[in-house]
């Protein structure tokens, strides 16, 4: 098992989901918490072309593909970065730069010795 934490950006996105999507994403996050680093395809896959070791949870809800971007921090916590509905071929082109920026901010906060409420991070 791993500890799963969420960025403010993820929480804001998650809070706007409808009930069926909340259930589907929550189930996927539970599997991530249980399997941790060993979670593989088809539940999770690496993001090609990212300059960081960012992964995605592959979620389906009502026939719609949802992706939850995450990475493991130096303490081996799974950090939920952001989510989105994969609607077109430009999805990754739009989301990867945002997710990389969120990850870089998270790591900078960790390196500065900021934790928990001080960084605005909380568990989902």
PDB file of N, CA and C in Angstrom:
ATOM      1  N   UNK A   1       0.834  -1.196   0.000  1.00  0.00           N
ATOM      2  CA  UNK A   1       0.000   0.000   0.000  1.00  0.00           C
ATOM      3  C   UNK A   1       0.870   1.249   0.000  1.00  0.00           C
ATOM      4  N   UNK A   2       0.372   2.269  -0.656  1.00  0.00           N
ATOM      5  CA  UNK A   2       1.053   3.564  -0.644  1.00  0.00           C
ATOM      6  C   UNK A   2       0.077   4.627  -0.161  1.00  0.00           C
ATOM      7  N   UNK A   3       0.635   5.690   0.372  1.00  0.00           N
ATOM      8  CA  UNK A   3      -0.198   6.827   0.738  1.00  0.00           C
ATOM      9  C   UNK A   3      -0.480   7.625  -0.528  1.00  0.00           C
ATOM     10  N   UNK A   4      -1.727   8.030  -0.692  1.00  0.00           N
ATOM     11  CA  UNK A   4      -2.130   8.833  -1.838  1.00  0.00           C
ATOM     12  C   UNK A   4      -2.495  10.221  -1.334  1.00  0.00           C
ATOM     13  N   UNK A   5      -1.887  11.241  -1.942  1.00  0.00           N
ATOM     14  CA  UNK A   5      -2.222  12.621  -1.611  1.00  0.00           C
ATOM     15  C   UNK A   5      -2.607  13.338  -2.899  1.00  0.00           C
ATOM     16  N   UNK A   6      -3.251  14.478  -2.761  1.00  0.00           N
ATOM     17  CA  UNK A   6      -3.736  15.203  -3.935  1.00  0.00           C
ATOM     18  C   UNK A   6      -3.314  16.661  -3.890  1.00  0.00           C
ATOM     19  N   UNK A   7      -3.037  17.196  -5.060  1.00  0.00           N
ATOM     20  CA  UNK A   7      -2.762  18.623  -5.172  1.00  0.00           C
ATOM     21  C   UNK A   7      -4.083  19.384  -5.161  1.00  0.00           C
ATOM     22  N   UNK A   8      -3.993  20.664  -4.903  1.00  0.00           N
ATOM     23  CA  UNK A   8      -5.190  21.508  -4.955  1.00  0.00           C
ATOM     24  C   UNK A   8      -5.829  21.460  -6.339  1.00  0.00           C
ATOM     25  N   UNK A   9      -5.014  21.396  -7.376  1.00  0.00           N
ATOM     26  CA  UNK A   9      -5.525  21.348  -8.743  1.00  0.00           C
ATOM     27  C   UNK A   9      -6.350  20.087  -8.972  1.00  0.00           C
ATOM     28  N   UNK A  10      -5.872  18.967  -8.441  1.00  0.00           N
ATOM     29  CA  UNK A  10      -6.641  17.731  -8.574  1.00  0.00           C
ATOM     30  C   UNK A  10      -7.953  17.840  -7.807  1.00  0.00           C
ATOM     31  N   UNK A  11      -7.894  18.323  -6.576  1.00  0.00           N
ATOM     32  CA  UNK A  11      -9.092  18.420  -5.734  1.00  0.00           C
ATOM     33  C   UNK A  11     -10.136  19.320  -6.394  1.00  0.00           C
ATOM     34  N   UNK A  12      -9.698  20.430  -6.956  1.00  0.00           N
ATOM     35  CA  UNK A  12     -10.626  21.341  -7.638  1.00  0.00           C
ATOM     36  C   UNK A  12     -11.312  20.634  -8.804  1.00  0.00           C
ATOM     37  N   UNK A  13     -10.545  19.880  -9.594  1.00  0.00           N
ATOM     38  CA  UNK A  13     -11.118  19.125 -10.711  1.00  0.00           C
ATOM     39  C   UNK A  13     -12.072  18.043 -10.193  1.00  0.00           C
ATOM     40  N   UNK A  14     -11.643  17.298  -9.196  1.00  0.00           N
ATOM     41  CA  UNK A  14     -12.426  16.195  -8.636  1.00  0.00           C
ATOM     42  C   UNK A  14     -13.755  16.698  -8.065  1.00  0.00           C
ATOM     43  N   UNK A  15     -13.724  17.838  -7.396  1.00  0.00           N
ATOM     44  CA  UNK A  15     -14.933  18.391  -6.781  1.00  0.00           C
ATOM     45  C   UNK A  15     -15.994  18.777  -7.808  1.00  0.00           C
ATOM     46  N   UNK A  16     -15.609  18.965  -9.067  1.00  0.00           N
ATOM     47  CA  UNK A  16     -16.553  19.329 -10.123  1.00  0.00           C
ATOM     48  C   UNK A  16     -17.126  18.124 -10.867  1.00  0.00           C
ATOM     49  N   UNK A  17     -16.694  16.910 -10.525  1.00  0.00           N
ATOM     50  CA  UNK A  17     -17.178  15.712 -11.212  1.00  0.00           C
ATOM     51  C   UNK A  17     -18.597  15.360 -10.783  1.00  0.00           C
ATOM     52  N   UNK A  18     -19.301  14.669 -11.683  1.00  0.00           N
ATOM     53  CA  UNK A  18     -20.622  14.133 -11.349  1.00  0.00           C
ATOM     54  C   UNK A  18     -20.439  12.830 -10.573  1.00  0.00           C
ATOM     55  N   UNK A  19     -21.503  12.400  -9.906  1.00  0.00           N
ATOM     56  CA  UNK A  19     -21.432  11.242  -9.016  1.00  0.00           C
ATOM     57  C   UNK A  19     -20.872   9.981  -9.688  1.00  0.00           C
ATOM     58  N   UNK A  20     -21.319   9.602 -10.897  1.00  0.00           N
ATOM     59  CA  UNK A  20     -20.748   8.390 -11.514  1.00  0.00           C
ATOM     60  C   UNK A  20     -19.245   8.509 -11.769  1.00  0.00           C
ATOM     61  N   UNK A  21     -18.798   9.710 -12.153  1.00  0.00           N
ATOM     62  CA  UNK A  21     -17.374   9.924 -12.396  1.00  0.00           C
ATOM     63  C   UNK A  21     -16.590   9.877 -11.089  1.00  0.00           C
ATOM     64  N   UNK A  22     -17.166  10.441 -10.021  1.00  0.00           N
ATOM     65  CA  UNK A  22     -16.523  10.395  -8.698  1.00  0.00           C
ATOM     66  C   UNK A  22     -16.304   8.947  -8.287  1.00  0.00           C
ATOM     67  N   UNK A  23     -17.323   8.111  -8.478  1.00  0.00           N
ATOM     68  CA  UNK A  23     -17.206   6.695  -8.106  1.00  0.00           C
ATOM     69  C   UNK A  23     -16.117   6.001  -8.915  1.00  0.00           C
ATOM     70  N   UNK A  24     -16.093   6.241 -10.223  1.00  0.00           N
ATOM     71  CA  UNK A  24     -15.108   5.585 -11.090  1.00  0.00           C
ATOM     72  C   UNK A  24     -13.687   6.025 -10.740  1.00  0.00           C
ATOM     73  N   UNK A  25     -13.493   7.323 -10.546  1.00  0.00           N
ATOM     74  CA  UNK A  25     -12.162   7.829 -10.203  1.00  0.00           C
ATOM     75  C   UNK A  25     -11.754   7.329  -8.822  1.00  0.00           C
ATOM     76  N   UNK A  26     -12.676   7.328  -7.874  1.00  0.00           N
ATOM     77  CA  UNK A  26     -12.367   6.859  -6.515  1.00  0.00           C
ATOM     78  C   UNK A  26     -11.945   5.399  -6.515  1.00  0.00           C
ATOM     79  N   UNK A  27     -12.614   4.571  -7.324  1.00  0.00           N
ATOM     80  CA  UNK A  27     -12.223   3.155  -7.430  1.00  0.00           C
ATOM     81  C   UNK A  27     -10.798   3.030  -7.970  1.00  0.00           C
ATOM     82  N   UNK A  28     -10.483   3.807  -8.988  1.00  0.00           N
ATOM     83  CA  UNK A  28      -9.137   3.756  -9.572  1.00  0.00           C
ATOM     84  C   UNK A  28      -8.083   4.211  -8.567  1.00  0.00           C
ATOM     85  N   UNK A  29      -8.393   5.242  -7.794  1.00  0.00           N
ATOM     86  CA  UNK A  29      -7.453   5.730  -6.778  1.00  0.00           C
ATOM     87  C   UNK A  29      -7.274   4.677  -5.687  1.00  0.00           C
ATOM     88  N   UNK A  30      -8.347   3.976  -5.328  1.00  0.00           N
ATOM     89  CA  UNK A  30      -8.242   2.898  -4.338  1.00  0.00           C
ATOM     90  C   UNK A  30      -7.300   1.794  -4.827  1.00  0.00           C
ATOM     91  N   UNK A  31      -7.385   1.457  -6.110  1.00  0.00           N
ATOM     92  CA  UNK A  31      -6.496   0.439  -6.681  1.00  0.00           C
ATOM     93  C   UNK A  31      -5.050   0.935  -6.646  1.00  0.00           C
ATOM     94  N   UNK A  32      -4.841   2.200  -6.972  1.00  0.00           N
ATOM     95  CA  UNK A  32      -3.498   2.782  -6.898  1.00  0.00           C
ATOM     96  C   UNK A  32      -2.962   2.701  -5.473  1.00  0.00           C
ATOM     97  N   UNK A  33      -3.796   3.033  -4.508  1.00  0.00           N
ATOM     98  CA  UNK A  33      -3.382   2.971  -3.103  1.00  0.00           C
ATOM     99  C   UNK A  33      -2.987   1.546  -2.718  1.00  0.00           C
ATOM    100  N   UNK A  34      -3.734   0.572  -3.206  1.00  0.00           N
ATOM    101  CA  UNK A  34      -3.478  -0.833  -2.881  1.00  0.00           C
ATOM    102  C   UNK A  34      -2.245  -1.383  -3.606  1.00  0.00           C
ATOM    103  N   UNK A  35      -2.125  -1.119  -4.890  1.00  0.00           N
ATOM    104  CA  UNK A  35      -1.052  -1.711  -5.709  1.00  0.00           C
ATOM    105  C   UNK A  35       0.231  -0.883  -5.713  1.00  0.00           C
ATOM    106  N   UNK A  36       0.098   0.419  -5.542  1.00  0.00           N
ATOM    107  CA  UNK A  36       1.270   1.286  -5.500  1.00  0.00           C
ATOM    108  C   UNK A  36       2.117   1.229  -6.751  1.00  0.00           C
ATOM    109  N   UNK A  37       3.415   1.104  -6.553  1.00  0.00           N
ATOM    110  CA  UNK A  37       4.370   1.114  -7.661  1.00  0.00           C
ATOM    111  C   UNK A  37       4.176  -0.039  -8.635  1.00  0.00           C
ATOM    112  N   UNK A  38       3.529  -1.106  -8.202  1.00  0.00           N
ATOM    113  CA  UNK A  38       3.355  -2.271  -9.075  1.00  0.00           C
ATOM    114  C   UNK A  38       2.136  -2.156  -9.994  1.00  0.00           C
ATOM    115  N   UNK A  39       1.344  -1.103  -9.859  1.00  0.00           N
ATOM    116  CA  UNK A  39       0.166  -0.941 -10.717  1.00  0.00           C
ATOM    117  C   UNK A  39       0.618  -0.694 -12.153  1.00  0.00           C
ATOM    118  N   UNK A  40       0.150  -1.538 -13.049  1.00  0.00           N
ATOM    119  CA  UNK A  40       0.563  -1.429 -14.448  1.00  0.00           C
ATOM    120  C   UNK A  40      -0.612  -1.352 -15.398  1.00  0.00           C
ATOM    121  N   UNK A  41      -0.294  -1.526 -16.679  1.00  0.00           N
ATOM    122  CA  UNK A  41      -1.287  -1.496 -17.738  1.00  0.00           C
ATOM    123  C   UNK A  41      -2.257  -2.663 -17.577  1.00  0.00           C
ATOM    124  N   UNK A  42      -3.545  -2.498 -17.789  1.00  0.00           N
ATOM    125  CA  UNK A  42      -4.235  -1.375 -18.402  1.00  0.00           C
ATOM    126  C   UNK A  42      -4.738  -0.309 -17.417  1.00  0.00           C
ATOM    127  N   UNK A  43      -4.525  -0.510 -16.127  1.00  0.00           N
ATOM    128  CA  UNK A  43      -5.019   0.457 -15.141  1.00  0.00           C
ATOM    129  C   UNK A  43      -4.209   1.740 -15.127  1.00  0.00           C
ATOM    130  N   UNK A  44      -2.931   1.630 -15.449  1.00  0.00           N
ATOM    131  CA  UNK A  44      -2.018   2.763 -15.380  1.00  0.00           C
ATOM    132  C   UNK A  44      -0.986   2.652 -16.493  1.00  0.00           C
ATOM    133  N   UNK A  45      -0.536   3.795 -16.979  1.00  0.00           N
ATOM    134  CA  UNK A  45       0.538   3.777 -17.971  1.00  0.00           C
ATOM    135  C   UNK A  45       1.375   5.042 -17.851  1.00  0.00           C
ATOM    136  N   UNK A  46       2.603   4.951 -18.349  1.00  0.00           N
ATOM    137  CA  UNK A  46       3.520   6.092 -18.331  1.00  0.00           C
ATOM    138  C   UNK A  46       3.088   7.103 -19.385  1.00  0.00           C
ATOM    139  N   UNK A  47       3.384   8.365 -19.125  1.00  0.00           N
ATOM    140  CA  UNK A  47       3.093   9.424 -20.085  1.00  0.00           C
ATOM    141  C   UNK A  47       4.308   9.590 -20.993  1.00  0.00           C
ATOM    142  N   UNK A  48       4.125   9.259 -22.245  1.00  0.00           N
ATOM    143  CA  UNK A  48       5.203   9.385 -23.231  1.00  0.00           C
ATOM    144  C   UNK A  48       5.500  10.861 -23.474  1.00  0.00           C
ATOM    145  N   UNK A  49       6.773  11.179 -23.570  1.00  0.00           N
ATOM    146  CA  UNK A  49       7.170  12.537 -23.896  1.00  0.00           C
ATOM    147  C   UNK A  49       7.246  13.493 -22.726  1.00  0.00           C
ATOM    148  N   UNK A  50       6.896  13.036 -21.540  1.00  0.00           N
ATOM    149  CA  UNK A  50       6.998  13.899 -20.363  1.00  0.00           C
ATOM    150  C   UNK A  50       8.446  13.928 -19.894  1.00  0.00           C
ATOM    151  N   UNK A  51       8.876  15.071 -19.398  1.00  0.00           N
ATOM    152  CA  UNK A  51      10.243  15.167 -18.881  1.00  0.00           C
ATOM    153  C   UNK A  51      10.350  14.659 -17.449  1.00  0.00           C
ATOM    154  N   UNK A  52       9.237  14.224 -16.880  1.00  0.00           N
ATOM    155  CA  UNK A  52       9.197  13.677 -15.523  1.00  0.00           C
ATOM    156  C   UNK A  52       8.550  12.291 -15.559  1.00  0.00           C
ATOM    157  N   UNK A  53       8.760  11.475 -14.535  1.00  0.00           N
ATOM    158  CA  UNK A  53       8.142  10.136 -14.507  1.00  0.00           C
ATOM    159  C   UNK A  53       6.667  10.199 -14.095  1.00  0.00           C
ATOM    160  N   UNK A  54       5.875  10.849 -14.924  1.00  0.00           N
ATOM    161  CA  UNK A  54       4.446  11.019 -14.652  1.00  0.00           C
ATOM    162  C   UNK A  54       3.687   9.874 -15.294  1.00  0.00           C
ATOM    163  N   UNK A  55       2.675   9.407 -14.587  1.00  0.00           N
ATOM    164  CA  UNK A  55       1.844   8.303 -15.049  1.00  0.00           C
ATOM    165  C   UNK A  55       0.394   8.758 -15.102  1.00  0.00           C
ATOM    166  N   UNK A  56      -0.458   7.908 -15.658  1.00  0.00           N
ATOM    167  CA  UNK A  56      -1.883   8.205 -15.692  1.00  0.00           C
ATOM    168  C   UNK A  56      -2.672   6.989 -15.248  1.00  0.00           C
ATOM    169  N   UNK A  57      -3.710   7.242 -14.466  1.00  0.00           N
ATOM    170  CA  UNK A  57      -4.716   6.229 -14.192  1.00  0.00           C
ATOM    171  C   UNK A  57      -5.696   6.279 -15.353  1.00  0.00           C
ATOM    172  N   UNK A  58      -6.037   5.122 -15.890  1.00  0.00           N
ATOM    173  CA  UNK A  58      -6.937   5.034 -17.039  1.00  0.00           C
ATOM    174  C   UNK A  58      -8.306   4.609 -16.529  1.00  0.00           C
ATOM    175  N   UNK A  59      -9.243   5.543 -16.537  1.00  0.00           N
ATOM    176  CA  UNK A  59     -10.568   5.357 -15.943  1.00  0.00           C
ATOM    177  C   UNK A  59     -11.616   5.466 -17.045  1.00  0.00           C
ATOM    178  N   UNK A  60     -12.664   4.648 -16.937  1.00  0.00           N
ATOM    179  CA  UNK A  60     -13.821   4.749 -17.828  1.00  0.00           C
ATOM    180  C   UNK A  60     -15.048   5.065 -16.983  1.00  0.00           C
ATOM    181  N   UNK A  61     -15.858   6.002 -17.454  1.00  0.00           N
ATOM    182  CA  UNK A  61     -17.109   6.325 -16.771  1.00  0.00           C
ATOM    183  C   UNK A  61     -18.158   6.657 -17.823  1.00  0.00           C
ATOM    184  N   UNK A  62     -19.176   5.828 -17.902  1.00  0.00           N
ATOM    185  CA  UNK A  62     -20.233   6.062 -18.877  1.00  0.00           C
ATOM    186  C   UNK A  62     -19.726   6.083 -20.308  1.00  0.00           C
ATOM    187  N   UNK A  63     -18.731   5.259 -20.598  1.00  0.00           N
ATOM    188  CA  UNK A  63     -18.173   5.199 -21.941  1.00  0.00           C
ATOM    189  C   UNK A  63     -17.172   6.292 -22.254  1.00  0.00           C
ATOM    190  N   UNK A  64     -16.923   7.177 -21.290  1.00  0.00           N
ATOM    191  CA  UNK A  64     -15.973   8.274 -21.503  1.00  0.00           C
ATOM    192  C   UNK A  64     -14.631   7.946 -20.854  1.00  0.00           C
ATOM    193  N   UNK A  65     -13.537   8.118 -21.598  1.00  0.00           N
ATOM    194  CA  UNK A  65     -12.220   7.899 -20.999  1.00  0.00           C
ATOM    195  C   UNK A  65     -11.802   9.098 -20.152  1.00  0.00           C
ATOM    196  N   UNK A  66     -11.461   8.830 -18.908  1.00  0.00           N
ATOM    197  CA  UNK A  66     -10.974   9.847 -17.981  1.00  0.00           C
ATOM    198  C   UNK A  66      -9.545   9.473 -17.628  1.00  0.00           C
ATOM    199  N   UNK A  67      -8.688  10.468 -17.549  1.00  0.00           N
ATOM    200  CA  UNK A  67      -7.303  10.237 -17.165  1.00  0.00           C
ATOM    201  C   UNK A  67      -6.987  11.033 -15.913  1.00  0.00           C
ATOM    202  N   UNK A  68      -6.315  10.374 -14.966  1.00  0.00           N
ATOM    203  CA  UNK A  68      -5.854  11.015 -13.735  1.00  0.00           C
ATOM    204  C   UNK A  68      -4.334  10.930 -13.741  1.00  0.00           C
ATOM    205  N   UNK A  69      -3.694  12.075 -13.808  1.00  0.00           N
ATOM    206  CA  UNK A  69      -2.232  12.134 -13.839  1.00  0.00           C
ATOM    207  C   UNK A  69      -1.689  12.101 -12.418  1.00  0.00           C
ATOM    208  N   UNK A  70      -0.617  11.317 -12.233  1.00  0.00           N
ATOM    209  CA  UNK A  70      -0.007  11.204 -10.909  1.00  0.00           C
ATOM    210  C   UNK A  70       1.471  10.879 -11.056  1.00  0.00           C
ATOM    211  N   UNK A  71       2.179  11.023  -9.946  1.00  0.00           N
ATOM    212  CA  UNK A  71       3.598  10.660  -9.895  1.00  0.00           C
ATOM    213  C   UNK A  71       3.924  10.259  -8.466  1.00  0.00           C
ATOM    214  N   UNK A  72       5.021   9.545  -8.310  1.00  0.00           N
ATOM    215  CA  UNK A  72       5.480   9.161  -6.976  1.00  0.00           C
ATOM    216  C   UNK A  72       6.560  10.135  -6.535  1.00  0.00           C
ATOM    217  N   UNK A  73       6.376  10.697  -5.344  1.00  0.00           N
ATOM    218  CA  UNK A  73       7.366  11.646  -4.838  1.00  0.00           C
ATOM    219  C   UNK A  73       8.517  10.893  -4.171  1.00  0.00           C
ATOM    220  N   UNK A  74       9.558  11.596  -3.731  1.00  0.00           N
ATOM    221  CA  UNK A  74      10.711  10.914  -3.121  1.00  0.00           C
ATOM    222  C   UNK A  74      10.361  10.071  -1.892  1.00  0.00           C
ATOM    223  N   UNK A  75       9.241  10.356  -1.239  1.00  0.00           N
ATOM    224  CA  UNK A  75       8.810   9.552  -0.089  1.00  0.00           C
ATOM    225  C   UNK A  75       7.910   8.395  -0.516  1.00  0.00           C
ATOM    226  N   UNK A  76       7.804   8.175  -1.839  1.00  0.00           N
ATOM    227  CA  UNK A  76       6.999   7.098  -2.430  1.00  0.00           C
ATOM    228  C   UNK A  76       5.503   7.274  -2.196  1.00  0.00           C
ATOM    229  N   UNK A  77       5.074   8.509  -2.009  1.00  0.00           N
ATOM    230  CA  UNK A  77       3.645   8.811  -1.957  1.00  0.00           C
ATOM    231  C   UNK A  77       3.166   9.002  -3.394  1.00  0.00           C
ATOM    232  N   UNK A  78       1.974   8.528  -3.683  1.00  0.00           N
ATOM    233  CA  UNK A  78       1.377   8.788  -4.988  1.00  0.00           C
ATOM    234  C   UNK A  78       0.703  10.152  -4.906  1.00  0.00           C
ATOM    235  N   UNK A  79       1.129  11.063  -5.757  1.00  0.00           N
ATOM    236  CA  UNK A  79       0.615  12.431  -5.748  1.00  0.00           C
ATOM    237  C   UNK A  79      -0.308  12.603  -6.952  1.00  0.00           C
ATOM    238  N   UNK A  80      -1.607  12.793  -6.682  1.00  0.00           N
ATOM    239  CA  UNK A  80      -2.578  13.021  -7.746  1.00  0.00           C
ATOM    240  C   UNK A  80      -2.440  14.467  -8.200  1.00  0.00           C
ATOM    241  N   UNK A  81      -2.141  14.660  -9.473  1.00  0.00           N
ATOM    242  CA  UNK A  81      -1.807  15.988  -9.982  1.00  0.00           C
ATOM    243  C   UNK A  81      -2.986  16.709 -10.618  1.00  0.00           C
ATOM    244  N   UNK A  82      -3.704  16.027 -11.502  1.00  0.00           N
ATOM    245  CA  UNK A  82      -4.798  16.641 -12.246  1.00  0.00           C
ATOM    246  C   UNK A  82      -5.520  15.542 -13.002  1.00  0.00           C
ATOM    247  N   UNK A  83      -6.752  15.782 -13.351  1.00  0.00           N
ATOM    248  CA  UNK A  83      -7.509  14.831 -14.144  1.00  0.00           C
ATOM    249  C   UNK A  83      -8.192  15.536 -15.292  1.00  0.00           C
ATOM    250  N   UNK A  84      -8.684  14.739 -16.229  1.00  0.00           N
ATOM    251  CA  UNK A  84      -9.408  15.306 -17.354  1.00  0.00           C
ATOM    252  C   UNK A  84     -10.050  14.221 -18.189  1.00  0.00           C
ATOM    253  N   UNK A  85     -11.054  14.628 -18.967  1.00  0.00           N
ATOM    254  CA  UNK A  85     -11.716  13.708 -19.880  1.00  0.00           C
ATOM    255  C   UNK A  85     -10.966  13.728 -21.210  1.00  0.00           C
ATOM    256  N   UNK A  86     -10.521  12.555 -21.613  1.00  0.00           N
ATOM    257  CA  UNK A  86      -9.745  12.442 -22.857  1.00  0.00           C
ATOM    258  C   UNK A  86     -10.713  12.486 -24.034  1.00  0.00           C
ATOM    259  N   UNK A  87     -10.894  13.673 -24.580  1.00  0.00           N
ATOM    260  CA  UNK A  87     -11.907  13.841 -25.609  1.00  0.00           C
ATOM    261  C   UNK A  87     -11.403  13.876 -27.034  1.00  0.00           C
ATOM    262  N   UNK A  88     -10.127  14.212 -27.232  1.00  0.00           N
ATOM    263  CA  UNK A  88      -9.634  14.312 -28.605  1.00  0.00           C
ATOM    264  C   UNK A  88      -8.139  13.996 -28.663  1.00  0.00           C
ATOM    265  N   UNK A  89      -7.605  14.046 -29.869  1.00  0.00           N
ATOM    266  CA  UNK A  89      -6.203  13.669 -30.070  1.00  0.00           C
ATOM    267  C   UNK A  89      -5.217  14.686 -29.502  1.00  0.00           C
ATOM    268  N   UNK A  90      -5.675  15.879 -29.139  1.00  0.00           N
ATOM    269  CA  UNK A  90      -4.786  16.904 -28.589  1.00  0.00           C
ATOM    270  C   UNK A  90      -4.808  16.930 -27.062  1.00  0.00           C
ATOM    271  N   UNK A  91      -5.459  15.971 -26.462  1.00  0.00           N
ATOM    272  CA  UNK A  91      -5.593  15.924 -24.998  1.00  0.00           C
ATOM    273  C   UNK A  91      -4.231  16.015 -24.313  1.00  0.00           C
ATOM    274  N   UNK A  92      -3.309  15.146 -24.692  1.00  0.00           N
ATOM    275  CA  UNK A  92      -1.998  15.117 -24.032  1.00  0.00           C
ATOM    276  C   UNK A  92      -1.196  16.387 -24.330  1.00  0.00           C
ATOM    277  N   UNK A  93      -1.329  16.893 -25.531  1.00  0.00           N
ATOM    278  CA  UNK A  93      -0.647  18.131 -25.903  1.00  0.00           C
ATOM    279  C   UNK A  93      -1.072  19.284 -24.980  1.00  0.00           C
ATOM    280  N   UNK A  94      -2.341  19.297 -24.593  1.00  0.00           N
ATOM    281  CA  UNK A  94      -2.855  20.345 -23.697  1.00  0.00           C
ATOM    282  C   UNK A  94      -2.530  20.069 -22.237  1.00  0.00           C
ATOM    283  N   UNK A  95      -2.645  18.811 -21.815  1.00  0.00           N
ATOM    284  CA  UNK A  95      -2.548  18.501 -20.387  1.00  0.00           C
ATOM    285  C   UNK A  95      -1.129  18.285 -19.872  1.00  0.00           C
ATOM    286  N   UNK A  96      -0.259  17.690 -20.661  1.00  0.00           N
ATOM    287  CA  UNK A  96       1.078  17.361 -20.154  1.00  0.00           C
ATOM    288  C   UNK A  96       1.834  18.598 -19.662  1.00  0.00           C
ATOM    289  N   UNK A  97       1.850  19.718 -20.387  1.00  0.00           N
ATOM    290  CA  UNK A  97       2.545  20.895 -19.839  1.00  0.00           C
ATOM    291  C   UNK A  97       1.960  21.369 -18.503  1.00  0.00           C
ATOM    292  N   UNK A  98       0.643  21.324 -18.360  1.00  0.00           N
ATOM    293  CA  UNK A  98       0.006  21.717 -17.090  1.00  0.00           C
ATOM    294  C   UNK A  98       0.438  20.789 -15.963  1.00  0.00           C
ATOM    295  N   UNK A  99       0.397  19.489 -16.249  1.00  0.00           N
ATOM    296  CA  UNK A  99       0.731  18.487 -15.237  1.00  0.00           C
ATOM    297  C   UNK A  99       2.203  18.592 -14.843  1.00  0.00           C
ATOM    298  N   UNK A 100       3.071  18.802 -15.809  1.00  0.00           N
ATOM    299  CA  UNK A 100       4.493  18.963 -15.497  1.00  0.00           C
ATOM    300  C   UNK A 100       4.720  20.180 -14.600  1.00  0.00           C
ATOM    301  N   UNK A 101       4.018  21.269 -14.878  1.00  0.00           N
ATOM    302  CA  UNK A 101       4.148  22.475 -14.054  1.00  0.00           C
ATOM    303  C   UNK A 101       3.670  22.210 -12.621  1.00  0.00           C
ATOM    304  N   UNK A 102       2.543  21.530 -12.468  1.00  0.00           N
ATOM    305  CA  UNK A 102       2.027  21.197 -11.131  1.00  0.00           C
ATOM    306  C   UNK A 102       3.048  20.334 -10.385  1.00  0.00           C
ATOM    307  N   UNK A 103       3.622  19.344 -11.071  1.00  0.00           N
ATOM    308  CA  UNK A 103       4.611  18.446 -10.461  1.00  0.00           C
ATOM    309  C   UNK A 103       5.856  19.220 -10.035  1.00  0.00           C
ATOM    310  N   UNK A 104       6.326  20.098 -10.885  1.00  0.00           N
ATOM    311  CA  UNK A 104       7.511  20.895 -10.555  1.00  0.00           C
ATOM    312  C   UNK A 104       7.260  21.791  -9.340  1.00  0.00           C
ATOM    313  N   UNK A 105       6.070  22.377  -9.246  1.00  0.00           N
ATOM    314  CA  UNK A 105       5.724  23.189  -8.068  1.00  0.00           C
ATOM    315  C   UNK A 105       5.681  22.330  -6.810  1.00  0.00           C
ATOM    316  N   UNK A 106       5.099  21.141  -6.926  1.00  0.00           N
ATOM    317  CA  UNK A 106       5.028  20.232  -5.783  1.00  0.00           C
ATOM    318  C   UNK A 106       6.436  19.883  -5.300  1.00  0.00           C
ATOM    319  N   UNK A 107       7.309  19.509  -6.225  1.00  0.00           N
ATOM    320  CA  UNK A 107       8.684  19.151  -5.849  1.00  0.00           C
ATOM    321  C   UNK A 107       9.426  20.334  -5.236  1.00  0.00           C
ATOM    322  N   UNK A 108       9.217  21.523  -5.763  1.00  0.00           N
ATOM    323  CA  UNK A 108       9.856  22.722  -5.199  1.00  0.00           C
ATOM    324  C   UNK A 108       9.384  22.951  -3.770  1.00  0.00           C
ATOM    325  N   UNK A 109       8.093  22.760  -3.522  1.00  0.00           N
ATOM    326  CA  UNK A 109       7.561  22.886  -2.156  1.00  0.00           C
ATOM    327  C   UNK A 109       8.214  21.866  -1.236  1.00  0.00           C
ATOM    328  N   UNK A 110       8.361  20.632  -1.714  1.00  0.00           N
ATOM    329  CA  UNK A 110       8.978  19.584  -0.905  1.00  0.00           C
ATOM    330  C   UNK A 110      10.442  19.914  -0.616  1.00  0.00           C
ATOM    331  N   UNK A 111      11.147  20.380  -1.623  1.00  0.00           N
ATOM    332  CA  UNK A 111      12.561  20.732  -1.446  1.00  0.00           C
ATOM    333  C   UNK A 111      12.745  21.915  -0.510  1.00  0.00           C
ATOM    334  N   UNK A 112      11.752  22.786  -0.445  1.00  0.00           N
ATOM    335  CA  UNK A 112      11.817  23.938   0.452  1.00  0.00           C
ATOM    336  C   UNK A 112      11.441  23.553   1.880  1.00  0.00           C
ATOM    337  N   UNK A 113      11.061  22.292   2.069  1.00  0.00           N
ATOM    338  CA  UNK A 113      10.703  21.820   3.406  1.00  0.00           C
ATOM    339  C   UNK A 113       9.279  22.124   3.804  1.00  0.00           C
ATOM    340  N   UNK A 114       8.449  22.483   2.842  1.00  0.00           N
ATOM    341  CA  UNK A 114       7.044  22.758   3.132  1.00  0.00           C
ATOM    342  C   UNK A 114       6.254  21.465   3.001  1.00  0.00           C
ATOM    343  N   UNK A 115       5.353  21.247   3.921  1.00  0.00           N
ATOM    344  CA  UNK A 115       4.551  20.021   3.909  1.00  0.00           C
ATOM    345  C   UNK A 115       3.116  20.348   4.276  1.00  0.00           C
ATOM    346  N   UNK A 116       2.205  19.449   3.878  1.00  0.00           N
ATOM    347  CA  UNK A 116       0.818  19.502   4.323  1.00  0.00           C
ATOM    348  C   UNK A 116       0.137  20.816   4.043  1.00  0.00           C
ATOM    349  N   UNK A 117      -0.505  21.364   5.068  1.00  0.00           N
ATOM    350  CA  UNK A 117      -1.309  22.564   4.920  1.00  0.00           C
ATOM    351  C   UNK A 117      -0.497  23.752   4.418  1.00  0.00           C
ATOM    352  N   UNK A 118       0.792  23.792   4.749  1.00  0.00           N
ATOM    353  CA  UNK A 118       1.613  24.923   4.316  1.00  0.00           C
ATOM    354  C   UNK A 118       1.693  25.011   2.798  1.00  0.00           C
ATOM    355  N   UNK A 119       1.615  23.887   2.108  1.00  0.00           N
ATOM    356  CA  UNK A 119       1.707  23.896   0.655  1.00  0.00           C
ATOM    357  C   UNK A 119       0.331  23.861   0.011  1.00  0.00           C
ATOM    358  N   UNK A 120      -0.720  23.795   0.801  1.00  0.00           N
ATOM    359  CA  UNK A 120      -2.055  23.719   0.251  1.00  0.00           C
ATOM    360  C   UNK A 120      -2.414  22.332  -0.230  1.00  0.00           C
ATOM    361  N   UNK A 121      -1.646  21.342   0.121  1.00  0.00           N
ATOM    362  CA  UNK A 121      -1.894  19.969  -0.336  1.00  0.00           C
ATOM    363  C   UNK A 121      -2.731  19.244   0.704  1.00  0.00           C
ATOM    364  N   UNK A 122      -3.608  18.401   0.221  1.00  0.00           N
ATOM    365  CA  UNK A 122      -4.404  17.607   1.145  1.00  0.00           C
ATOM    366  C   UNK A 122      -4.764  16.282   0.506  1.00  0.00           C
ATOM    367  N   UNK A 123      -5.200  15.378   1.330  1.00  0.00           N
ATOM    368  CA  UNK A 123      -5.597  14.064   0.825  1.00  0.00           C
ATOM    369  C   UNK A 123      -6.940  14.178   0.120  1.00  0.00           C
ATOM    370  N   UNK A 124      -7.150  13.342  -0.917  1.00  0.00           N
ATOM    371  CA  UNK A 124      -8.429  13.399  -1.644  1.00  0.00           C
ATOM    372  C   UNK A 124      -9.566  12.887  -0.792  1.00  0.00           C
TER     373      UNK A 124
END
